[in-house]
Amino acid sequence: MLANAIVEDNPTFNRYEMPIADGLIAAAYYRTEGHIVILTHTEVPFQYSGEGICSQLARGVFDIIRESGRKVMPTCTFMVKFAGQHPEYSDLIVG
């Protein structure tokens, strides 16, 4: 995992981004419907798979959504699994 990686919202591209290395990012794509953030797809560069980066990204995404006062509807397979394994975020989940 990356020690100091920060997840940020990039509304221009409808994605949350986390820098990895050499200009590469992990990204969680979304769309919004009212106060609900629908997480549609997550990407981590192949060479970084299995390093916990996607989980770190997910934590950052869920924390940003919590801080914004919105709710989340994960439709991406990874985000659905992550939400199911982390009950500390269950108050955010809709649908």
C-alpha atoms as a PDB file:
ATOM      1  CA  MET A   1       0.000   0.000   0.000  1.00  0.00           C
ATOM      2  CA  LEU A   2       1.038   3.573  -0.520  1.00  0.00           C
ATOM      3  CA  ALA A   3       1.846   5.311   2.725  1.00  0.00           C
ATOM      4  CA  ASN A   4       0.880   8.887   1.874  1.00  0.00           C
ATOM      5  CA  ALA A   5      -1.479   8.523  -1.062  1.00  0.00           C
ATOM      6  CA  ILE A   6      -4.452  10.859  -0.954  1.00  0.00           C
ATOM      7  CA  VAL A   7      -7.683  10.233  -2.807  1.00  0.00           C
ATOM      8  CA  GLU A   8      -9.167  13.283  -4.532  1.00  0.00           C
ATOM      9  CA  ASP A   9     -12.341  13.895  -6.467  1.00  0.00           C
ATOM     10  CA  ASN A  10     -11.854  14.851 -10.121  1.00  0.00           C
ATOM     11  CA  PRO A  11     -15.356  15.932 -11.175  1.00  0.00           C
ATOM     12  CA  THR A  12     -14.154  16.820 -14.684  1.00  0.00           C
ATOM     13  CA  PHE A  13     -13.669  13.102 -15.361  1.00  0.00           C
ATOM     14  CA  ASN A  14     -16.296  11.833 -12.876  1.00  0.00           C
ATOM     15  CA  ARG A  15     -13.743   9.867 -10.930  1.00  0.00           C
ATOM     16  CA  TYR A  16     -11.913   9.714  -7.648  1.00  0.00           C
ATOM     17  CA  GLU A  17      -8.165   9.474  -8.167  1.00  0.00           C
ATOM     18  CA  MET A  18      -5.250   8.256  -6.113  1.00  0.00           C
ATOM     19  CA  PRO A  19      -1.692   8.750  -7.380  1.00  0.00           C
ATOM     20  CA  ILE A  20       0.437   5.616  -7.464  1.00  0.00           C
ATOM     21  CA  ALA A  21       3.799   6.228  -9.159  1.00  0.00           C
ATOM     22  CA  ASP A  22       5.280   7.689 -12.325  1.00  0.00           C
ATOM     23  CA  GLY A  23       2.119   9.630 -13.113  1.00  0.00           C
ATOM     24  CA  LEU A  24      -0.106   6.548 -12.838  1.00  0.00           C
ATOM     25  CA  ILE A  25      -3.342   6.645 -10.870  1.00  0.00           C
ATOM     26  CA  ALA A  26      -5.913   4.310  -9.422  1.00  0.00           C
ATOM     27  CA  ALA A  27      -9.419   5.545 -10.197  1.00  0.00           C
ATOM     28  CA  ALA A  28     -12.991   4.954  -9.106  1.00  0.00           C
ATOM     29  CA  TYR A  29     -15.499   6.203 -11.676  1.00  0.00           C
ATOM     30  CA  TYR A  30     -18.901   7.481 -10.662  1.00  0.00           C
ATOM     31  CA  ARG A  31     -22.047   9.286 -11.615  1.00  0.00           C
ATOM     32  CA  THR A  32     -24.343  11.184  -9.314  1.00  0.00           C
ATOM     33  CA  GLU A  33     -28.093  11.172  -8.894  1.00  0.00           C
ATOM     34  CA  GLY A  34     -29.078  13.846  -6.424  1.00  0.00           C
ATOM     35  CA  HIS A  35     -27.180  13.199  -3.194  1.00  0.00           C
ATOM     36  CA  ILE A  36     -26.218   9.643  -4.202  1.00  0.00           C
ATOM     37  CA  VAL A  37     -22.811   8.770  -5.666  1.00  0.00           C
ATOM     38  CA  ILE A  38     -23.060   5.680  -7.867  1.00  0.00           C
ATOM     39  CA  LEU A  39     -19.693   3.935  -8.112  1.00  0.00           C
ATOM     40  CA  THR A  40     -19.575   2.301 -11.543  1.00  0.00           C
ATOM     41  CA  HIS A  41     -16.018   1.126 -12.194  1.00  0.00           C
ATOM     42  CA  THR A  42     -12.651   0.876 -10.459  1.00  0.00           C
ATOM     43  CA  GLU A  43      -9.265   0.722 -12.189  1.00  0.00           C
ATOM     44  CA  VAL A  44      -5.783   0.001 -10.893  1.00  0.00           C
ATOM     45  CA  PRO A  45      -2.868  -0.410 -13.307  1.00  0.00           C
ATOM     46  CA  PHE A  46      -2.237  -4.122 -13.783  1.00  0.00           C
ATOM     47  CA  GLN A  47       1.322  -4.011 -12.487  1.00  0.00           C
ATOM     48  CA  TYR A  48      -0.028  -2.820  -9.114  1.00  0.00           C
ATOM     49  CA  SER A  49      -2.798  -5.390  -8.685  1.00  0.00           C
ATOM     50  CA  GLY A  50      -2.708  -7.388  -5.481  1.00  0.00           C
ATOM     51  CA  GLU A  51      -0.950  -4.658  -3.485  1.00  0.00           C
ATOM     52  CA  GLY A  52      -3.995  -3.361  -1.602  1.00  0.00           C
ATOM     53  CA  ILE A  53      -4.194  -0.215  -3.702  1.00  0.00           C
ATOM     54  CA  CYS A  54      -7.823  -0.734  -4.654  1.00  0.00           C
ATOM     55  CA  SER A  55      -8.798  -1.119  -0.988  1.00  0.00           C
ATOM     56  CA  GLN A  56      -6.897   2.038  -0.097  1.00  0.00           C
ATOM     57  CA  LEU A  57      -8.681   3.849  -2.918  1.00  0.00           C
ATOM     58  CA  ALA A  58     -12.054   2.541  -1.726  1.00  0.00           C
ATOM     59  CA  ARG A  59     -11.433   3.747   1.842  1.00  0.00           C
ATOM     60  CA  GLY A  60     -10.574   7.193   0.549  1.00  0.00           C
ATOM     61  CA  VAL A  61     -13.631   7.288  -1.696  1.00  0.00           C
ATOM     62  CA  PHE A  62     -16.007   6.223   1.075  1.00  0.00           C
ATOM     63  CA  ASP A  63     -14.433   8.740   3.466  1.00  0.00           C
ATOM     64  CA  ILE A  64     -14.853  11.580   0.956  1.00  0.00           C
ATOM     65  CA  ILE A  65     -18.475  10.609   0.377  1.00  0.00           C
ATOM     66  CA  ARG A  66     -19.103  10.482   4.144  1.00  0.00           C
ATOM     67  CA  GLU A  67     -17.529  13.918   4.634  1.00  0.00           C
ATOM     68  CA  SER A  68     -19.724  15.350   1.868  1.00  0.00           C
ATOM     69  CA  GLY A  69     -22.914  14.143   3.565  1.00  0.00           C
ATOM     70  CA  ARG A  70     -23.903  12.076   0.539  1.00  0.00           C
ATOM     71  CA  LYS A  71     -24.744   8.389   0.226  1.00  0.00           C
ATOM     72  CA  VAL A  72     -23.181   5.764  -2.023  1.00  0.00           C
ATOM     73  CA  MET A  73     -24.553   3.076  -4.306  1.00  0.00           C
ATOM     74  CA  PRO A  74     -21.737   0.749  -5.326  1.00  0.00           C
ATOM     75  CA  THR A  75     -22.409  -1.072  -8.603  1.00  0.00           C
ATOM     76  CA  CYS A  76     -18.782  -1.874  -9.392  1.00  0.00           C
ATOM     77  CA  THR A  77     -18.036  -5.456  -8.340  1.00  0.00           C
ATOM     78  CA  PHE A  78     -15.017  -4.460  -6.260  1.00  0.00           C
ATOM     79  CA  MET A  79     -16.832  -1.641  -4.453  1.00  0.00           C
ATOM     80  CA  VAL A  80     -19.812  -3.901  -3.693  1.00  0.00           C
ATOM     81  CA  LYS A  81     -17.444  -6.474  -2.175  1.00  0.00           C
ATOM     82  CA  PHE A  82     -15.504  -3.812  -0.261  1.00  0.00           C
ATOM     83  CA  ALA A  83     -18.695  -2.325   1.198  1.00  0.00           C
ATOM     84  CA  GLY A  84     -19.864  -5.785   2.272  1.00  0.00           C
ATOM     85  CA  GLN A  85     -16.578  -6.471   4.052  1.00  0.00           C
ATOM     86  CA  HIS A  86     -16.398  -3.090   5.824  1.00  0.00           C
ATOM     87  CA  PRO A  87     -19.458  -2.533   8.045  1.00  0.00           C
ATOM     88  CA  GLU A  88     -18.036   0.783   9.191  1.00  0.00           C
ATOM     89  CA  TYR A  89     -19.372   2.185   5.912  1.00  0.00           C
ATOM     90  CA  SER A  90     -22.807   0.518   6.045  1.00  0.00           C
ATOM     91  CA  ASP A  91     -24.503   3.790   7.040  1.00  0.00           C
ATOM     92  CA  LEU A  92     -23.525   5.233   3.641  1.00  0.00           C
ATOM     93  CA  ILE A  93     -24.910   2.449   1.462  1.00  0.00           C
ATOM     94  CA  VAL A  94     -28.183   2.774  -0.441  1.00  0.00           C
ATOM     95  CA  GLY A  95     -29.766   0.426  -2.941  1.00  0.00           C
END
